[in-house]
Amino acid sequence: MLNMEGMGFSRSEITKELTSLFRCTPRAVQYDFKNRGKWQPVMDKFDPQTSMLKITNRYKTIYRKASFMFLQSKREEIQLGALRIMIESTKALREVILPNIREGEVKPDKIEISFANRCMKCGENIEDNNRLG
Protein backbone atom coordinates (compact mmCIF):
# COMPACT_ATOMS: atom_id res chain seq x y z
CA MET A 1 0.00 0.00 0.00
CA LEU A 2 2.72 2.47 0.99
CA ASN A 3 4.80 1.69 -2.08
CA MET A 4 1.87 2.23 -4.40
CA GLU A 5 0.97 5.47 -2.64
CA GLY A 6 4.58 6.60 -2.99
CA MET A 7 4.42 5.89 -6.73
CA GLY A 8 1.45 8.25 -7.06
CA PHE A 9 -1.50 5.87 -7.32
CA SER A 10 -4.84 7.14 -6.04
CA ARG A 11 -6.63 5.44 -3.15
CA SER A 12 -9.21 3.91 -5.46
CA GLU A 13 -6.48 2.46 -7.70
CA ILE A 14 -4.62 1.10 -4.68
CA THR A 15 -7.83 -0.41 -3.29
CA LYS A 16 -8.66 -2.09 -6.60
CA GLU A 17 -5.13 -3.50 -7.01
CA LEU A 18 -4.84 -4.77 -3.43
CA THR A 19 -8.29 -6.39 -3.41
CA SER A 20 -7.47 -8.33 -6.55
CA LEU A 21 -3.94 -9.19 -5.41
CA PHE A 22 -4.73 -10.29 -1.85
CA ARG A 23 -8.38 -11.33 -2.37
CA CYS A 24 -9.68 -9.08 0.37
CA THR A 25 -12.63 -6.73 0.49
CA PRO A 26 -12.32 -3.04 -0.42
CA ARG A 27 -13.54 -2.29 3.08
CA ALA A 28 -10.47 -4.01 4.58
CA VAL A 29 -8.14 -1.84 2.49
CA GLN A 30 -10.07 1.31 3.44
CA TYR A 31 -9.82 0.25 7.10
CA ASP A 32 -6.04 -0.02 6.73
CA PHE A 33 -5.95 3.47 5.23
CA LYS A 34 -8.07 4.80 8.09
CA ASN A 35 -5.97 3.21 10.85
CA ARG A 36 -2.52 3.58 9.35
CA GLY A 37 -1.68 6.23 11.94
CA LYS A 38 -1.29 3.29 14.33
CA TRP A 39 0.66 0.82 12.17
CA GLN A 40 2.73 3.00 9.81
CA PRO A 41 4.97 4.50 12.54
CA VAL A 42 5.80 0.98 13.70
CA MET A 43 6.86 0.02 10.17
CA ASP A 44 8.82 3.23 9.64
CA LYS A 45 10.87 2.99 12.84
CA PHE A 46 14.50 2.30 12.21
CA ASP A 47 17.76 2.25 14.05
CA PRO A 48 20.01 5.04 12.71
CA GLN A 49 23.15 2.88 12.79
CA THR A 50 21.45 -0.02 11.01
CA SER A 51 19.94 2.23 8.38
CA MET A 52 23.33 3.90 7.81
CA LEU A 53 24.88 0.49 7.17
CA LYS A 54 22.08 -0.46 4.79
CA ILE A 55 22.45 2.79 2.84
CA THR A 56 26.22 2.36 2.65
CA ASN A 57 25.84 -1.21 1.43
CA ARG A 58 23.33 -0.15 -1.23
CA TYR A 59 25.64 2.52 -2.64
CA LYS A 60 28.60 0.14 -2.62
CA THR A 61 26.54 -2.50 -4.42
CA ILE A 62 25.47 0.04 -7.04
CA TYR A 63 29.11 1.05 -7.52
CA ARG A 64 30.28 -2.59 -7.85
CA LYS A 65 27.60 -3.41 -10.42
CA ALA A 66 28.41 -0.29 -12.43
CA SER A 67 32.14 -1.02 -12.35
CA PHE A 68 31.45 -4.57 -13.52
CA MET A 69 29.40 -3.19 -16.43
CA PHE A 70 32.18 -0.73 -17.23
CA LEU A 71 34.82 -3.45 -17.33
CA GLN A 72 32.76 -6.04 -19.20
CA SER A 73 31.11 -3.90 -21.86
CA LYS A 74 32.69 -3.19 -25.22
CA ARG A 75 30.18 -0.45 -26.11
CA GLU A 76 31.28 3.07 -25.29
CA GLU A 77 27.74 4.24 -24.42
CA ILE A 78 27.41 1.58 -21.74
CA GLN A 79 30.86 2.36 -20.36
CA LEU A 80 30.03 6.07 -20.13
CA GLY A 81 26.73 5.31 -18.41
CA ALA A 82 28.50 3.01 -15.97
CA LEU A 83 31.07 5.71 -15.20
CA ARG A 84 28.28 8.20 -14.57
CA ILE A 85 26.59 5.79 -12.17
CA MET A 86 29.91 5.15 -10.40
CA ILE A 87 30.50 8.89 -9.95
CA GLU A 88 26.96 9.56 -8.74
CA SER A 89 27.03 6.68 -6.26
CA THR A 90 30.39 7.87 -4.92
CA LYS A 91 29.04 11.41 -4.47
CA ALA A 92 25.91 10.13 -2.76
CA LEU A 93 27.91 7.86 -0.47
CA ARG A 94 30.21 10.74 0.43
CA GLU A 95 27.19 12.91 1.32
CA VAL A 96 25.90 10.16 3.58
CA ILE A 97 29.21 9.37 5.29
CA LEU A 98 30.99 12.72 5.68
CA PRO A 99 28.32 14.48 7.77
CA ASN A 100 28.54 11.58 10.21
CA ILE A 101 32.26 11.87 10.90
CA ARG A 102 32.66 12.38 14.63
CA GLU A 103 34.50 15.27 16.24
CA GLY A 104 38.22 14.73 16.60
CA GLU A 105 38.51 12.71 13.42
CA VAL A 106 39.48 13.96 9.98
CA LYS A 107 37.36 16.91 8.93
CA PRO A 108 35.89 16.88 5.39
CA ASP A 109 37.76 20.06 4.43
CA LYS A 110 41.08 18.37 5.36
CA ILE A 111 40.61 15.42 3.02
CA GLU A 112 42.83 15.75 -0.02
CA ILE A 113 43.49 13.12 -2.64
CA SER A 114 45.98 13.86 -5.36
CA PHE A 115 47.75 11.37 -7.58
CA ALA A 116 48.26 13.56 -10.63
CA ASN A 117 51.48 15.22 -9.42
CA ARG A 118 53.33 12.10 -8.29
CA CYS A 119 55.29 9.54 -10.24
CA MET A 120 53.65 6.14 -9.92
CA LYS A 121 57.05 4.42 -9.89
CA CYS A 122 59.08 6.39 -7.35
CA GLY A 123 56.51 8.75 -5.78
CA GLU A 124 58.51 11.94 -6.53
CA ASN A 125 56.71 15.14 -7.45
CA ILE A 126 56.62 15.50 -11.22
CA GLU A 127 56.41 19.29 -11.08
CA ASP A 128 59.64 19.55 -9.08
CA ASN A 129 61.96 17.80 -11.49
CA ASN A 130 59.83 17.32 -14.65
CA ARG A 131 60.90 13.72 -15.08
CA LEU A 132 59.38 10.33 -14.48
CA GLY A 133 61.82 8.38 -12.32
Foldseek 3Di string as FASTA:
>chain_A
DVVVVVVPDDLVVVLVVCCVVVVDHSVVSVVCVVPVVVVVVVVPDDDVVVVLVVLLVVLVVQLVVLVVQLVPDPDPVSVVVSVVSNVVSVVVNCVSPQVPDDPPDDHPVNDDDDDPQAAPPPGDGCVVPVDRD
